[in-house]
Amino acid sequence: MDIANNNTKNNVIKINNKYILLKKIGSGSFGSIYLGENVRTKEKVAVKMESIKDCAKLLKNESTVYQYLQSSCAKMVGLPQVKWFGKDDARYYMVINLLGESLQSVKNRVYVFSLISTLQVGIQIICLLKSIHDCGLIHRDIKPENFLLGIGDKAKQLHIIDFGFCKPFLKEYNPLKKTNALIGSLMYASVCTHMCFEQSRRDDLESLGYMLLYFLTGSLEWQHCQSSMEVLQMKESIANSGEVPPILSKYFKIVKQLSFEERPDYNKLIELFSKEIEEEQKKKVAS
């Protein structure tokens, strides 16, 4: 069955006889993302595609995760809504509500975030991760490209996307069990991920720490390094590095001390950031 119909006269591709593709707006680990439109309501949407020949089937996994989270975490904010998922002989398709720019796009414009903005981002993402973890899942690909701002009245709300590498977190996993390769992004992967050990909730939070450091300082010392071993060595000493702002040093020390099965104290991390924001705001008022 061919779900994607190509109207050669107008050069318009229609998905499921309901959505038309307007232009390509991005790509990811799964394939391509297009700006689309519901031909009936004129609502703008995002259409993600993946070749059916791709044995990884990341888009199919992502769609399953979204649907599970939507049913299990009904009150969770910051989760895209899946409007339709299907396939034809060539591709898988997933249609979700259209979101705004990614944190990476924002970073490209402003280069560095203020400490307050960085910590506010951190609090929102910790809340998102808490909801996902409490539903028994870990994301495993925390990076700026996977956090998008909303649009309209949700312009300040962060949304987490790209669940292709997401998997259930099971306490009975052996923390010393090896994976076949590094899963996620080399730049933001946790120390254990570099060593190809099974991931848990602490690894998502450690990756968040590297991301916040990137926003606050503008760059990471290993970001142009291609050697996983060299990046690993730099990350192992990050908590005690004089280059890291004290608040993030505290964060890293807390997160890196977590055991494989231990449930992170999300409220403690949020409180840590909230108090720092209050102190920074007091300094601004005093000056």
Protein backbone atom coordinates (compact mmCIF):
# COMPACT_ATOMS: atom_id res chain seq x y z
CA MET A 1 0.00 0.00 0.00
CA ASP A 2 1.36 3.41 -0.94
CA ILE A 3 0.43 5.87 1.82
CA ALA A 4 2.51 8.67 0.30
CA ASN A 5 0.90 9.88 -2.94
CA ASN A 6 2.90 12.17 -5.20
CA ASN A 7 0.82 14.74 -7.04
CA THR A 8 3.21 15.40 -9.91
CA LYS A 9 1.15 18.28 -11.30
CA ASN A 10 1.64 20.37 -8.18
CA ASN A 11 4.73 18.49 -6.96
CA VAL A 12 2.98 17.87 -3.64
CA ILE A 13 3.47 14.73 -1.56
CA LYS A 14 0.41 13.72 0.45
CA ILE A 15 0.62 11.37 3.44
CA ASN A 16 -2.35 9.17 4.34
CA ASN A 17 -4.47 11.36 2.03
CA LYS A 18 -4.53 13.92 4.84
CA TYR A 19 -1.15 15.61 5.28
CA ILE A 20 0.93 17.35 2.62
CA LEU A 21 4.68 17.94 2.89
CA LEU A 22 5.76 21.57 2.55
CA LYS A 23 9.51 21.55 3.15
CA LYS A 24 12.29 19.66 4.91
CA ILE A 25 13.10 21.18 8.30
CA GLY A 26 15.56 18.74 9.82
CA SER A 27 16.96 15.25 10.19
CA GLY A 28 17.83 12.92 13.03
CA SER A 29 19.04 9.44 13.92
CA PHE A 30 15.93 7.98 12.25
CA GLY A 31 15.67 9.91 8.96
CA SER A 32 14.09 13.22 7.93
CA ILE A 33 11.62 15.74 9.36
CA TYR A 34 9.27 17.79 7.18
CA LEU A 35 6.95 20.66 7.82
CA GLY A 36 3.51 19.41 6.88
CA GLU A 37 -0.06 20.62 6.78
CA ASN A 38 -3.40 18.98 7.45
CA VAL A 39 -5.24 19.56 4.16
CA ARG A 40 -8.60 19.64 5.95
CA THR A 41 -7.87 21.89 8.94
CA LYS A 42 -4.77 23.72 7.58
CA GLU A 43 -3.01 22.91 10.88
CA LYS A 44 0.78 22.86 10.54
CA VAL A 45 2.44 19.63 11.74
CA ALA A 46 5.81 17.91 11.76
CA VAL A 47 6.16 14.72 9.71
CA LYS A 48 9.01 12.36 10.55
CA MET A 49 10.09 9.70 8.05
CA GLU A 50 12.32 6.64 8.23
CA SER A 51 13.23 4.22 5.47
CA ILE A 52 11.58 0.86 6.01
CA LYS A 53 14.91 -0.70 5.03
CA ASP A 54 16.45 0.68 8.23
CA CYS A 55 16.65 -2.38 10.47
CA ALA A 56 16.89 -0.21 13.60
CA LYS A 57 13.25 0.88 13.25
CA LEU A 58 13.90 3.89 15.51
CA LEU A 59 10.81 5.77 14.36
CA LYS A 60 8.53 2.82 15.08
CA ASN A 61 10.06 2.55 18.55
CA GLU A 62 9.65 6.30 19.09
CA SER A 63 5.97 6.18 18.13
CA THR A 64 5.38 3.33 20.57
CA VAL A 65 7.11 5.27 23.35
CA TYR A 66 5.06 8.44 22.70
CA GLN A 67 1.82 6.51 22.80
CA TYR A 68 2.85 4.73 26.01
CA LEU A 69 3.82 8.01 27.70
CA GLN A 70 0.64 9.72 26.55
CA SER A 71 -1.42 6.99 28.21
CA SER A 72 0.77 6.49 31.30
CA CYS A 73 1.74 10.11 31.99
CA ALA A 74 -1.46 11.90 31.05
CA LYS A 75 -0.49 15.00 33.06
CA MET A 76 3.03 15.23 31.64
CA VAL A 77 3.74 18.54 29.93
CA GLY A 78 6.42 18.89 27.30
CA LEU A 79 5.58 15.78 25.29
CA PRO A 80 4.71 16.02 21.57
CA GLN A 81 1.33 14.62 20.55
CA VAL A 82 1.32 11.82 17.98
CA LYS A 83 -1.45 12.54 15.50
CA TRP A 84 -0.84 9.58 13.21
CA PHE A 85 1.64 6.76 12.57
CA GLY A 86 1.77 4.43 9.60
CA LYS A 87 3.89 3.00 6.81
CA ASP A 88 3.88 2.15 3.14
CA ASP A 89 6.21 -0.06 1.11
CA ALA A 90 9.08 2.42 1.41
CA ARG A 91 8.85 4.34 4.70
CA TYR A 92 7.49 4.69 8.20
CA TYR A 93 5.72 7.99 8.91
CA MET A 94 4.90 9.73 12.18
CA VAL A 95 2.91 12.97 12.36
CA ILE A 96 3.23 15.08 15.53
CA ASN A 97 2.23 18.59 16.52
CA LEU A 98 4.58 21.29 15.26
CA LEU A 99 7.01 22.73 17.80
CA GLY A 100 9.40 25.68 17.83
CA GLU A 101 13.18 25.90 17.65
CA SER A 102 15.55 23.59 19.48
CA LEU A 103 17.85 24.60 22.31
CA GLN A 104 20.75 24.03 19.91
CA SER A 105 19.24 26.59 17.55
CA VAL A 106 18.86 29.06 20.42
CA LYS A 107 22.46 28.38 21.48
CA ASN A 108 23.65 29.06 17.92
CA ARG A 109 22.06 32.52 18.12
CA VAL A 110 23.09 33.61 21.62
CA TYR A 111 26.30 31.54 22.03
CA VAL A 112 26.08 31.45 25.85
CA PHE A 113 23.14 31.34 28.25
CA SER A 114 23.12 33.32 31.47
CA LEU A 115 23.43 31.30 34.68
CA ILE A 116 19.78 31.93 35.51
CA SER A 117 18.60 30.85 32.04
CA THR A 118 20.81 27.75 32.17
CA LEU A 119 19.44 26.66 35.53
CA GLN A 120 15.84 27.39 34.48
CA VAL A 121 16.39 25.11 31.49
CA GLY A 122 17.89 22.54 33.84
CA ILE A 123 14.85 22.58 36.13
CA GLN A 124 12.44 22.08 33.23
CA ILE A 125 14.45 19.16 31.86
CA ILE A 126 14.83 17.50 35.28
CA CYS A 127 11.02 17.64 35.56
CA LEU A 128 10.67 16.07 32.11
CA LEU A 129 13.16 13.32 32.93
CA LYS A 130 11.45 12.63 36.25
CA SER A 131 8.15 12.02 34.44
CA ILE A 132 9.80 9.73 31.89
CA HIS A 133 11.80 7.83 34.50
CA ASP A 134 8.76 7.41 36.74
CA CYS A 135 7.06 5.71 33.79
CA GLY A 136 9.92 3.19 33.73
CA LEU A 137 11.83 4.59 30.74
CA ILE A 138 15.22 6.17 30.12
CA HIS A 139 15.83 8.45 27.11
CA ARG A 140 19.52 7.67 26.37
CA ASP A 141 20.07 10.56 23.93
CA ILE A 142 20.02 13.79 25.93
CA LYS A 143 21.34 16.64 23.77
CA PRO A 144 20.27 20.22 22.83
CA GLU A 145 18.76 19.14 19.51
CA ASN A 146 16.26 16.96 21.37
CA PHE A 147 14.65 19.77 23.36
CA LEU A 148 12.29 22.08 21.50
CA LEU A 149 10.41 25.15 22.61
CA GLY A 150 6.67 25.22 22.08
CA ILE A 151 4.84 27.75 19.95
CA GLY A 152 2.15 30.30 20.78
CA ASP A 153 1.17 30.28 24.44
CA LYS A 154 3.61 27.38 25.04
CA ALA A 155 6.64 29.23 23.70
CA LYS A 156 8.50 28.97 27.02
CA GLN A 157 7.70 25.29 27.60
CA LEU A 158 10.43 22.83 26.65
CA HIS A 159 9.43 19.62 24.88
CA ILE A 160 11.54 16.48 24.76
CA ILE A 161 11.71 14.61 21.45
CA ASP A 162 13.53 11.80 19.60
CA PHE A 163 12.81 8.69 21.65
CA GLY A 164 14.42 6.35 19.09
CA PHE A 165 17.02 5.12 21.60
CA CYS A 166 14.61 5.09 24.55
CA LYS A 167 14.15 1.83 26.41
CA PRO A 168 12.62 0.51 29.64
CA PHE A 169 14.68 0.84 32.79
CA LEU A 170 14.66 -2.49 34.59
CA LYS A 171 16.25 -2.81 38.03
CA GLU A 172 17.16 -6.43 37.34
CA TYR A 173 19.56 -5.35 34.60
CA ASN A 174 23.18 -6.15 35.40
CA PRO A 175 24.96 -2.76 35.63
CA LEU A 176 28.11 -4.44 34.31
CA LYS A 177 26.32 -5.73 31.22
CA LYS A 178 27.97 -4.42 28.08
CA THR A 179 26.24 -2.88 25.07
CA ASN A 180 27.54 -3.30 21.53
CA ALA A 181 28.55 0.34 21.12
CA LEU A 182 28.19 3.84 22.56
CA ILE A 183 24.50 4.73 22.47
CA GLY A 184 23.60 8.40 22.10
CA SER A 185 25.85 11.40 21.49
CA LEU A 186 29.62 11.29 22.06
CA MET A 187 29.56 14.91 23.23
CA TYR A 188 26.99 14.38 26.00
CA ALA A 189 27.25 10.66 26.80
CA SER A 190 27.82 9.67 30.42
CA VAL A 191 31.05 8.04 31.60
CA CYS A 192 29.35 4.64 31.87
CA THR A 193 27.98 5.01 28.36
CA HIS A 194 31.49 5.63 27.03
CA MET A 195 32.48 2.34 28.64
CA CYS A 196 29.50 0.68 26.91
CA PHE A 197 27.80 -0.29 30.16
CA GLU A 198 24.03 -0.61 30.47
CA GLN A 199 22.47 2.79 31.19
CA SER A 200 20.06 3.85 33.93
CA ARG A 201 18.40 7.02 35.19
CA ARG A 202 21.67 8.54 36.41
CA ASP A 203 23.06 8.53 32.86
CA ASP A 204 20.29 10.77 31.52
CA LEU A 205 21.02 13.23 34.34
CA GLU A 206 24.77 13.15 33.78
CA SER A 207 24.22 13.92 30.08
CA LEU A 208 22.03 16.85 31.12
CA GLY A 209 24.94 18.19 33.19
CA TYR A 210 27.24 18.29 30.16
CA MET A 211 24.51 20.01 28.17
CA LEU A 212 24.03 22.71 30.81
CA LEU A 213 27.80 23.25 30.97
CA TYR A 214 27.77 23.71 27.18
CA PHE A 215 25.05 26.36 27.43
CA LEU A 216 26.73 28.22 30.27
CA THR A 217 30.31 28.26 28.98
CA GLY A 218 29.66 28.27 25.24
CA SER A 219 31.70 25.14 24.49
CA LEU A 220 33.00 21.87 25.88
CA GLU A 221 36.71 21.11 25.87
CA TRP A 222 36.10 17.76 24.16
CA GLN A 223 33.55 18.87 21.57
CA HIS A 224 35.95 18.59 18.64
CA CYS A 225 37.56 15.39 19.88
CA GLN A 226 36.72 12.21 17.96
CA SER A 227 38.29 9.74 20.38
CA SER A 228 35.81 8.27 22.84
CA MET A 229 38.64 7.37 25.23
CA GLU A 230 39.99 10.94 25.30
CA VAL A 231 36.51 12.37 25.87
CA LEU A 232 35.96 9.82 28.65
CA GLN A 233 39.13 10.89 30.45
CA MET A 234 38.08 14.55 30.38
CA LYS A 235 34.61 13.75 31.67
CA GLU A 236 35.86 11.57 34.54
CA SER A 237 37.44 14.56 36.27
CA ILE A 238 34.77 17.12 35.39
CA ALA A 239 33.25 17.42 38.89
CA ASN A 240 36.57 18.58 40.36
CA SER A 241 37.60 20.78 37.46
CA GLY A 242 38.27 24.42 38.21
CA GLU A 243 36.79 25.20 34.79
CA VAL A 244 33.30 24.14 35.91
CA PRO A 245 31.03 26.67 37.68
CA PRO A 246 30.49 25.68 41.35
CA ILE A 247 26.76 25.01 40.94
CA LEU A 248 27.36 22.51 38.14
CA SER A 249 30.25 20.97 40.05
CA LYS A 250 27.80 20.25 42.89
CA TYR A 251 25.32 18.82 40.41
CA PHE A 252 27.91 16.49 38.88
CA LYS A 253 29.06 15.25 42.30
CA ILE A 254 25.48 14.35 43.25
CA VAL A 255 24.66 12.66 39.95
CA LYS A 256 27.95 10.77 39.58
CA GLN A 257 27.57 9.27 43.07
CA LEU A 258 24.26 7.61 42.18
CA SER A 259 24.29 3.83 41.97
CA PHE A 260 22.88 1.98 38.97
CA GLU A 261 19.53 1.16 40.59
CA GLU A 262 19.21 4.27 42.77
CA ARG A 263 16.29 6.58 42.09
CA PRO A 264 17.64 10.14 41.76
CA ASP A 265 16.34 12.74 44.20
CA TYR A 266 14.90 15.00 41.50
CA ASN A 267 13.46 17.44 44.03
CA LYS A 268 16.90 17.88 45.60
CA LEU A 269 18.41 18.75 42.22
CA ILE A 270 15.58 21.17 41.45
CA GLU A 271 16.01 22.80 44.86
CA LEU A 272 19.76 23.09 44.26
CA PHE A 273 19.15 25.02 41.04
CA SER A 274 16.23 27.04 42.45
CA LYS A 275 18.32 28.34 45.39
CA GLU A 276 21.11 29.34 43.03
CA ILE A 277 18.62 31.24 40.86
CA GLU A 278 17.34 33.08 43.94
CA GLU A 279 20.90 34.05 44.92
CA GLU A 280 21.63 35.31 41.42
CA GLN A 281 18.43 37.36 41.37
CA LYS A 282 19.33 38.92 44.74
CA LYS A 283 22.75 39.90 43.36
CA LYS A 284 21.07 41.60 40.42
CA VAL A 285 18.74 43.56 42.68
CA ALA A 286 21.64 44.60 44.94
CA SER A 287 23.70 45.83 42.03
